[in-house]
PDB file of all heavy atoms in Angstrom:
ATOM      1  N   ALA A   1      12.813 -54.890  18.744  1.00  0.00           N
ATOM      2  CA  ALA A   1      12.105 -55.466  19.898  1.00  0.00           C
ATOM      3  C   ALA A   1      12.527 -56.922  20.116  1.00  0.00           C
ATOM      4  O   ALA A   1      12.748 -57.340  21.260  1.00  0.00           O
ATOM      5  CB  ALA A   1      10.597 -55.366  19.702  1.00  0.00           C
ATOM      6  N   VAL A   2      12.652 -57.684  19.038  1.00  0.00           N
ATOM      7  CA  VAL A   2      13.064 -59.088  19.145  1.00  0.00           C
ATOM      8  C   VAL A   2      14.485 -59.179  19.702  1.00  0.00           C
ATOM      9  O   VAL A   2      14.768 -59.989  20.592  1.00  0.00           O
ATOM     10  CB  VAL A   2      12.940 -59.808  17.779  1.00  0.00           C
ATOM     11  CG1 VAL A   2      13.627 -61.167  17.793  1.00  0.00           C
ATOM     12  CG2 VAL A   2      11.470 -59.953  17.401  1.00  0.00           C
ATOM     13  N   VAL A   3      15.379 -58.338  19.204  1.00  0.00           N
ATOM     14  CA  VAL A   3      16.769 -58.362  19.663  1.00  0.00           C
ATOM     15  C   VAL A   3      16.884 -57.854  21.103  1.00  0.00           C
ATOM     16  O   VAL A   3      17.671 -58.385  21.888  1.00  0.00           O
ATOM     17  CB  VAL A   3      17.665 -57.568  18.689  1.00  0.00           C
ATOM     18  CG1 VAL A   3      19.041 -57.322  19.268  1.00  0.00           C
ATOM     19  CG2 VAL A   3      17.767 -58.333  17.371  1.00  0.00           C
ATOM     20  N   LYS A   4      16.083 -56.865  21.462  1.00  0.00           N
ATOM     21  CA  LYS A   4      16.111 -56.358  22.840  1.00  0.00           C
ATOM     22  C   LYS A   4      15.752 -57.473  23.821  1.00  0.00           C
ATOM     23  O   LYS A   4      16.351 -57.601  24.887  1.00  0.00           O
ATOM     24  CB  LYS A   4      15.142 -55.185  22.991  1.00  0.00           C
ATOM     25  CG  LYS A   4      15.172 -54.552  24.365  1.00  0.00           C
ATOM     26  CD  LYS A   4      14.253 -53.352  24.448  1.00  0.00           C
ATOM     27  CE  LYS A   4      14.334 -52.733  25.841  1.00  0.00           C
ATOM     28  NZ  LYS A   4      13.423 -51.615  25.986  1.00  0.00           N
ATOM     29  N   LYS A   5      14.805 -58.298  23.438  1.00  0.00           N
ATOM     30  CA  LYS A   5      14.336 -59.380  24.302  1.00  0.00           C
ATOM     31  C   LYS A   5      15.252 -60.610  24.262  1.00  0.00           C
ATOM     32  O   LYS A   5      15.462 -61.266  25.274  1.00  0.00           O
ATOM     33  CB  LYS A   5      12.916 -59.776  23.902  1.00  0.00           C
ATOM     34  CG  LYS A   5      12.291 -60.806  24.805  1.00  0.00           C
ATOM     35  CD  LYS A   5      10.844 -61.050  24.424  1.00  0.00           C
ATOM     36  CE  LYS A   5      10.237 -62.087  25.361  1.00  0.00           C
ATOM     37  NZ  LYS A   5       8.898 -62.455  24.987  1.00  0.00           N
ATOM     38  N   ASN A   6      15.798 -60.942  23.069  1.00  0.00           N
ATOM     39  CA  ASN A   6      16.521 -62.203  22.879  1.00  0.00           C
ATOM     40  C   ASN A   6      18.001 -62.074  22.556  1.00  0.00           C
ATOM     41  O   ASN A   6      18.689 -63.080  22.479  1.00  0.00           O
ATOM     42  CB  ASN A   6      15.845 -63.007  21.761  1.00  0.00           C
ATOM     43  CG  ASN A   6      14.427 -63.361  22.098  1.00  0.00           C
ATOM     44  OD1 ASN A   6      14.178 -64.118  23.026  1.00  0.00           O
ATOM     45  ND2 ASN A   6      13.482 -62.816  21.356  1.00  0.00           N
ATOM     46  N   GLY A   7      18.484 -60.856  22.271  1.00  0.00           N
ATOM     47  CA  GLY A   7      19.874 -60.697  21.846  1.00  0.00           C
ATOM     48  C   GLY A   7      20.031 -61.036  20.376  1.00  0.00           C
ATOM     49  O   GLY A   7      19.059 -61.294  19.674  1.00  0.00           O
ATOM     50  N   GLY A   8      21.265 -61.025  19.895  1.00  0.00           N
ATOM     51  CA  GLY A   8      21.553 -61.393  18.514  1.00  0.00           C
ATOM     52  C   GLY A   8      21.197 -60.312  17.517  1.00  0.00           C
ATOM     53  O   GLY A   8      21.294 -59.115  17.807  1.00  0.00           O
ATOM     54  N   THR A   9      20.788 -60.741  16.334  1.00  0.00           N
ATOM     55  CA  THR A   9      20.406 -59.840  15.251  1.00  0.00           C
ATOM     56  C   THR A   9      19.147 -60.389  14.582  1.00  0.00           C
ATOM     57  O   THR A   9      18.860 -61.576  14.684  1.00  0.00           O
ATOM     58  CB  THR A   9      21.523 -59.726  14.187  1.00  0.00           C
ATOM     59  OG1 THR A   9      21.858 -61.039  13.711  1.00  0.00           O
ATOM     60  CG2 THR A   9      22.766 -59.048  14.740  1.00  0.00           C
ATOM     61  N   ALA A  10      18.412 -59.507  13.912  1.00  0.00           N
ATOM     62  CA  ALA A  10      17.195 -59.911  13.209  1.00  0.00           C
ATOM     63  C   ALA A  10      17.037 -59.078  11.940  1.00  0.00           C
ATOM     64  O   ALA A  10      17.478 -57.924  11.898  1.00  0.00           O
ATOM     65  CB  ALA A  10      15.973 -59.741  14.108  1.00  0.00           C
ATOM     66  N   THR A  11      16.395 -59.670  10.948  1.00  0.00           N
ATOM     67  CA  THR A  11      16.232 -59.010   9.648  1.00  0.00           C
ATOM     68  C   THR A  11      14.953 -59.472   8.972  1.00  0.00           C
ATOM     69  O   THR A  11      14.557 -60.631   9.106  1.00  0.00           O
ATOM     70  CB  THR A  11      17.419 -59.371   8.713  1.00  0.00           C
ATOM     71  OG1 THR A  11      18.628 -58.886   9.265  1.00  0.00           O
ATOM     72  CG2 THR A  11      17.239 -58.800   7.301  1.00  0.00           C
ATOM     73  N   PHE A  12      14.358 -58.560   8.202  1.00  0.00           N
ATOM     74  CA  PHE A  12      13.344 -58.913   7.215  1.00  0.00           C
ATOM     75  C   PHE A  12      13.990 -58.658   5.863  1.00  0.00           C
ATOM     76  O   PHE A  12      14.482 -57.562   5.599  1.00  0.00           O
ATOM     77  CB  PHE A  12      12.093 -58.021   7.324  1.00  0.00           C
ATOM     78  CG  PHE A  12      11.226 -58.308   8.507  1.00  0.00           C
ATOM     79  CD1 PHE A  12      11.302 -57.526   9.639  1.00  0.00           C
ATOM     80  CD2 PHE A  12      10.308 -59.357   8.478  1.00  0.00           C
ATOM     81  CE1 PHE A  12      10.494 -57.773  10.734  1.00  0.00           C
ATOM     82  CE2 PHE A  12       9.495 -59.608   9.568  1.00  0.00           C
ATOM     83  CZ  PHE A  12       9.586 -58.823  10.707  1.00  0.00           C
ATOM     84  N   PHE A  13      13.993 -59.678   5.007  1.00  0.00           N
ATOM     85  CA  PHE A  13      14.418 -59.537   3.617  1.00  0.00           C
ATOM     86  C   PHE A  13      13.158 -59.519   2.763  1.00  0.00           C
ATOM     87  O   PHE A  13      12.169 -60.159   3.104  1.00  0.00           O
ATOM     88  CB  PHE A  13      15.229 -60.758   3.157  1.00  0.00           C
ATOM     89  CG  PHE A  13      16.594 -60.916   3.729  1.00  0.00           C
ATOM     90  CD1 PHE A  13      16.785 -61.617   4.909  1.00  0.00           C
ATOM     91  CD2 PHE A  13      17.701 -60.415   3.069  1.00  0.00           C
ATOM     92  CE1 PHE A  13      18.054 -61.824   5.429  1.00  0.00           C
ATOM     93  CE2 PHE A  13      18.989 -60.606   3.577  1.00  0.00           C
ATOM     94  CZ  PHE A  13      19.159 -61.314   4.763  1.00  0.00           C
ATOM     95  N   VAL A  14      13.223 -58.832   1.607  1.00  0.00           N
ATOM     96  CA  VAL A  14      12.140 -58.905   0.634  1.00  0.00           C
ATOM     97  C   VAL A  14      12.731 -59.365  -0.698  1.00  0.00           C
ATOM     98  O   VAL A  14      13.839 -58.958  -1.072  1.00  0.00           O
ATOM     99  CB  VAL A  14      11.378 -57.564   0.486  1.00  0.00           C
ATOM    100  CG1 VAL A  14      12.245 -56.488  -0.138  1.00  0.00           C
ATOM    101  CG2 VAL A  14      10.107 -57.745  -0.313  1.00  0.00           C
ATOM    102  N   LYS A  15      12.011 -60.242  -1.373  1.00  0.00           N
ATOM    103  CA  LYS A  15      12.460 -60.723  -2.686  1.00  0.00           C
ATOM    104  C   LYS A  15      12.222 -59.619  -3.700  1.00  0.00           C
ATOM    105  O   LYS A  15      11.111 -59.119  -3.851  1.00  0.00           O
ATOM    106  CB  LYS A  15      11.702 -61.985  -3.073  1.00  0.00           C
ATOM    107  CG  LYS A  15      12.226 -62.633  -4.342  1.00  0.00           C
ATOM    108  CD  LYS A  15      11.613 -64.015  -4.517  1.00  0.00           C
ATOM    109  CE  LYS A  15      11.949 -64.668  -5.803  1.00  0.00           C
ATOM    110  NZ  LYS A  15      13.196 -65.130  -6.085  1.00  0.00           N
ATOM    111  N   THR A  16      13.294 -59.232  -4.360  1.00  0.00           N
ATOM    112  CA  THR A  16      13.242 -58.196  -5.388  1.00  0.00           C
ATOM    113  C   THR A  16      13.996 -58.745  -6.594  1.00  0.00           C
ATOM    114  O   THR A  16      15.216 -58.869  -6.552  1.00  0.00           O
ATOM    115  CB  THR A  16      13.884 -56.881  -4.873  1.00  0.00           C
ATOM    116  OG1 THR A  16      13.228 -56.479  -3.665  1.00  0.00           O
ATOM    117  CG2 THR A  16      13.792 -55.780  -5.904  1.00  0.00           C
ATOM    118  N   GLY A  17      13.253 -59.134  -7.617  1.00  0.00           N
ATOM    119  CA  GLY A  17      13.882 -59.826  -8.749  1.00  0.00           C
ATOM    120  C   GLY A  17      14.395 -61.166  -8.258  1.00  0.00           C
ATOM    121  O   GLY A  17      13.658 -61.924  -7.631  1.00  0.00           O
ATOM    122  N   ASP A  18      15.686 -61.437  -8.493  1.00  0.00           N
ATOM    123  CA  ASP A  18      16.299 -62.684  -8.030  1.00  0.00           C
ATOM    124  C   ASP A  18      17.039 -62.507  -6.717  1.00  0.00           C
ATOM    125  O   ASP A  18      17.681 -63.441  -6.232  1.00  0.00           O
ATOM    126  CB  ASP A  18      17.279 -63.216  -9.086  1.00  0.00           C
ATOM    127  CG  ASP A  18      16.574 -63.698 -10.349  1.00  0.00           C
ATOM    128  OD1 ASP A  18      15.396 -64.104 -10.237  1.00  0.00           O
ATOM    129  OD2 ASP A  18      17.187 -63.658 -11.431  1.00  0.00           O
ATOM    130  N   GLU A  19      16.994 -61.312  -6.139  1.00  0.00           N
ATOM    131  CA  GLU A  19      17.724 -61.014  -4.902  1.00  0.00           C
ATOM    132  C   GLU A  19      16.787 -60.924  -3.703  1.00  0.00           C
ATOM    133  O   GLU A  19      15.593 -60.675  -3.851  1.00  0.00           O
ATOM    134  CB  GLU A  19      18.460 -59.679  -5.014  1.00  0.00           C
ATOM    135  CG  GLU A  19      19.498 -59.621  -6.103  1.00  0.00           C
ATOM    136  CD  GLU A  19      20.158 -58.256  -6.198  1.00  0.00           C
ATOM    137  OE1 GLU A  19      19.492 -57.230  -5.961  1.00  0.00           O
ATOM    138  OE2 GLU A  19      21.357 -58.225  -6.506  1.00  0.00           O
ATOM    139  N   TYR A  20      17.377 -61.122  -2.535  1.00  0.00           N
ATOM    140  CA  TYR A  20      16.679 -60.876  -1.272  1.00  0.00           C
ATOM    141  C   TYR A  20      17.383 -59.698  -0.608  1.00  0.00           C
ATOM    142  O   TYR A  20      18.556 -59.797  -0.257  1.00  0.00           O
ATOM    143  CB  TYR A  20      16.709 -62.113  -0.376  1.00  0.00           C
ATOM    144  CG  TYR A  20      15.860 -63.232  -0.913  1.00  0.00           C
ATOM    145  CD1 TYR A  20      16.397 -64.206  -1.753  1.00  0.00           C
ATOM    146  CD2 TYR A  20      14.506 -63.319  -0.601  1.00  0.00           C
ATOM    147  CE1 TYR A  20      15.614 -65.240  -2.245  1.00  0.00           C
ATOM    148  CE2 TYR A  20      13.711 -64.339  -1.095  1.00  0.00           C
ATOM    149  CZ  TYR A  20      14.271 -65.293  -1.911  1.00  0.00           C
ATOM    150  OH  TYR A  20      13.487 -66.310  -2.411  1.00  0.00           O
ATOM    151  N   VAL A  21      16.665 -58.587  -0.465  1.00  0.00           N
ATOM    152  CA  VAL A  21      17.233 -57.334   0.027  1.00  0.00           C
ATOM    153  C   VAL A  21      16.846 -57.134   1.490  1.00  0.00           C
ATOM    154  O   VAL A  21      15.676 -57.286   1.856  1.00  0.00           O
ATOM    155  CB  VAL A  21      16.729 -56.135  -0.816  1.00  0.00           C
ATOM    156  CG1 VAL A  21      17.332 -54.826  -0.325  1.00  0.00           C
ATOM    157  CG2 VAL A  21      17.035 -56.354  -2.296  1.00  0.00           C
ATOM    158  N   ARG A  22      17.828 -56.744   2.318  1.00  0.00           N
ATOM    159  CA  ARG A  22      17.550 -56.407   3.724  1.00  0.00           C
ATOM    160  C   ARG A  22      16.802 -55.081   3.756  1.00  0.00           C
ATOM    161  O   ARG A  22      17.367 -54.054   3.411  1.00  0.00           O
ATOM    162  CB  ARG A  22      18.849 -56.279   4.516  1.00  0.00           C
ATOM    163  CG  ARG A  22      19.523 -57.566   4.847  1.00  0.00           C
ATOM    164  CD  ARG A  22      20.849 -57.361   5.619  1.00  0.00           C
ATOM    165  NE  ARG A  22      21.493 -58.629   5.853  1.00  0.00           N
ATOM    166  CZ  ARG A  22      22.306 -59.226   4.980  1.00  0.00           C
ATOM    167  NH1 ARG A  22      22.600 -58.656   3.820  1.00  0.00           N
ATOM    168  NH2 ARG A  22      22.825 -60.404   5.258  1.00  0.00           N
ATOM    169  N   VAL A  23      15.532 -55.129   4.186  1.00  0.00           N
ATOM    170  CA  VAL A  23      14.725 -53.898   4.235  1.00  0.00           C
ATOM    171  C   VAL A  23      14.501 -53.419   5.656  1.00  0.00           C
ATOM    172  O   VAL A  23      14.133 -52.269   5.881  1.00  0.00           O
ATOM    173  CB  VAL A  23      13.374 -54.066   3.489  1.00  0.00           C
ATOM    174  CG1 VAL A  23      13.616 -54.285   1.998  1.00  0.00           C
ATOM    175  CG2 VAL A  23      12.519 -55.165   4.090  1.00  0.00           C
ATOM    176  N   SER A  24      14.722 -54.310   6.636  1.00  0.00           N
ATOM    177  CA  SER A  24      14.639 -53.962   8.049  1.00  0.00           C
ATOM    178  C   SER A  24      15.613 -54.877   8.773  1.00  0.00           C
ATOM    179  O   SER A  24      15.470 -56.102   8.717  1.00  0.00           O
ATOM    180  CB  SER A  24      13.221 -54.171   8.580  1.00  0.00           C
ATOM    181  OG  SER A  24      13.175 -53.940   9.973  1.00  0.00           O
ATOM    182  N   THR A  25      16.606 -54.297   9.433  1.00  0.00           N
ATOM    183  CA  THR A  25      17.646 -55.120  10.055  1.00  0.00           C
ATOM    184  C   THR A  25      18.353 -54.368  11.164  1.00  0.00           C
ATOM    185  O   THR A  25      18.330 -53.133  11.203  1.00  0.00           O
ATOM    186  CB  THR A  25      18.680 -55.594   9.002  1.00  0.00           C
ATOM    187  OG1 THR A  25      19.528 -56.578   9.585  1.00  0.00           O
ATOM    188  CG2 THR A  25      19.529 -54.443   8.473  1.00  0.00           C
ATOM    189  N   ASN A  26      18.994 -55.113  12.028  1.00  0.00           N
ATOM    190  CA  ASN A  26      19.945 -54.507  12.953  1.00  0.00           C
ATOM    191  C   ASN A  26      21.319 -55.173  12.804  1.00  0.00           C
ATOM    192  O   ASN A  26      22.183 -55.006  13.640  1.00  0.00           O
ATOM    193  CB  ASN A  26      19.443 -54.516  14.406  1.00  0.00           C
ATOM    194  CG  ASN A  26      18.861 -55.833  14.803  1.00  0.00           C
ATOM    195  OD1 ASN A  26      19.385 -56.877  14.447  1.00  0.00           O
ATOM    196  ND2 ASN A  26      17.753 -55.787  15.515  1.00  0.00           N
ATOM    197  N   VAL A  27      21.500 -55.922  11.700  1.00  0.00           N
ATOM    198  CA  VAL A  27      22.831 -56.410  11.339  1.00  0.00           C
ATOM    199  C   VAL A  27      23.642 -55.177  10.959  1.00  0.00           C
ATOM    200  O   VAL A  27      23.198 -54.384  10.123  1.00  0.00           O
ATOM    201  CB  VAL A  27      22.771 -57.409  10.162  1.00  0.00           C
ATOM    202  CG1 VAL A  27      24.170 -57.725   9.637  1.00  0.00           C
ATOM    203  CG2 VAL A  27      22.039 -58.682  10.566  1.00  0.00           C
ATOM    204  N   PRO A  28      24.817 -54.988  11.573  1.00  0.00           N
ATOM    205  CA  PRO A  28      25.602 -53.789  11.257  1.00  0.00           C
ATOM    206  C   PRO A  28      26.339 -53.904   9.921  1.00  0.00           C
ATOM    207  O   PRO A  28      26.696 -55.003   9.489  1.00  0.00           O
ATOM    208  CB  PRO A  28      26.604 -53.701  12.412  1.00  0.00           C
ATOM    209  CG  PRO A  28      26.741 -55.107  12.901  1.00  0.00           C
ATOM    210  CD  PRO A  28      25.420 -55.784  12.643  1.00  0.00           C
ATOM    211  N   LYS A  29      26.551 -52.743   9.288  1.00  0.00           N
ATOM    212  CA  LYS A  29      27.399 -52.697   8.097  1.00  0.00           C
ATOM    213  C   LYS A  29      28.809 -53.112   8.510  1.00  0.00           C
ATOM    214  O   LYS A  29      29.205 -52.901   9.664  1.00  0.00           O
ATOM    215  CB  LYS A  29      27.454 -51.281   7.528  1.00  0.00           C
ATOM    216  CG  LYS A  29      26.187 -50.830   6.847  1.00  0.00           C
ATOM    217  CD  LYS A  29      26.383 -49.430   6.292  1.00  0.00           C
ATOM    218  CE  LYS A  29      25.125 -48.937   5.624  1.00  0.00           C
ATOM    219  NZ  LYS A  29      25.290 -47.548   5.159  1.00  0.00           N
ATOM    220  N   PRO A  30      29.578 -53.670   7.581  1.00  0.00           N
ATOM    221  CA  PRO A  30      30.938 -54.110   7.925  1.00  0.00           C
ATOM    222  C   PRO A  30      31.814 -52.997   8.508  1.00  0.00           C
ATOM    223  O   PRO A  30      32.646 -53.258   9.360  1.00  0.00           O
ATOM    224  CB  PRO A  30      31.512 -54.604   6.593  1.00  0.00           C
ATOM    225  CG  PRO A  30      30.327 -54.946   5.760  1.00  0.00           C
ATOM    226  CD  PRO A  30      29.228 -54.011   6.203  1.00  0.00           C
ATOM    227  N   ASP A  31      31.588 -51.758   8.081  1.00  0.00           N
ATOM    228  CA  ASP A  31      32.408 -50.651   8.588  1.00  0.00           C
ATOM    229  C   ASP A  31      31.835 -50.041   9.878  1.00  0.00           C
ATOM    230  O   ASP A  31      32.364 -49.075  10.403  1.00  0.00           O
ATOM    231  CB  ASP A  31      32.588 -49.576   7.519  1.00  0.00           C
ATOM    232  CG  ASP A  31      31.292 -48.880   7.126  1.00  0.00           C
ATOM    233  OD1 ASP A  31      30.226 -49.150   7.746  1.00  0.00           O
ATOM    234  OD2 ASP A  31      31.330 -48.068   6.181  1.00  0.00           O
ATOM    235  N   GLY A  32      30.717 -50.615  10.363  1.00  0.00           N
ATOM    236  CA  GLY A  32      30.129 -50.135  11.614  1.00  0.00           C
ATOM    237  C   GLY A  32      29.366 -48.831  11.488  1.00  0.00           C
ATOM    238  O   GLY A  32      28.982 -48.230  12.492  1.00  0.00           O
ATOM    239  N   SER A  33      29.105 -48.383  10.265  1.00  0.00           N
ATOM    240  CA  SER A  33      28.483 -47.069  10.052  1.00  0.00           C
ATOM    241  C   SER A  33      26.961 -47.095  10.117  1.00  0.00           C
ATOM    242  O   SER A  33      26.315 -46.159   9.691  1.00  0.00           O
ATOM    243  CB  SER A  33      28.929 -46.488   8.711  1.00  0.00           C
ATOM    244  OG  SER A  33      28.434 -47.280   7.652  1.00  0.00           O
ATOM    245  N   GLY A  34      26.378 -48.152  10.625  1.00  0.00           N
ATOM    246  CA  GLY A  34      24.927 -48.214  10.728  1.00  0.00           C
ATOM    247  C   GLY A  34      24.395 -49.575  10.333  1.00  0.00           C
ATOM    248  O   GLY A  34      25.140 -50.551  10.243  1.00  0.00           O
ATOM    249  N   ARG A  35      23.103 -49.629  10.095  1.00  0.00           N
ATOM    250  CA  ARG A  35      22.418 -50.867   9.732  1.00  0.00           C
ATOM    251  C   ARG A  35      22.711 -51.238   8.280  1.00  0.00           C
ATOM    252  O   ARG A  35      22.804 -50.363   7.422  1.00  0.00           O
ATOM    253  CB  ARG A  35      20.915 -50.697   9.919  1.00  0.00           C
ATOM    254  CG  ARG A  35      20.516 -50.401  11.359  1.00  0.00           C
ATOM    255  CD  ARG A  35      19.030 -50.044  11.435  1.00  0.00           C
ATOM    256  NE  ARG A  35      18.666 -49.525  12.735  1.00  0.00           N
ATOM    257  CZ  ARG A  35      18.043 -50.221  13.680  1.00  0.00           C
ATOM    258  NH1 ARG A  35      17.705 -51.467  13.463  1.00  0.00           N
ATOM    259  NH2 ARG A  35      17.748 -49.669  14.835  1.00  0.00           N
TER     260      ARG A  35
END
């Protein structure tokens, strides 16, 4: 919804251990095979 209105990309990361994991995103995978 945010990207539809404003363009670009958006993500929610969650802290898991020492990492921040993308749990909701529309940033594409490098190979273009999805989120």
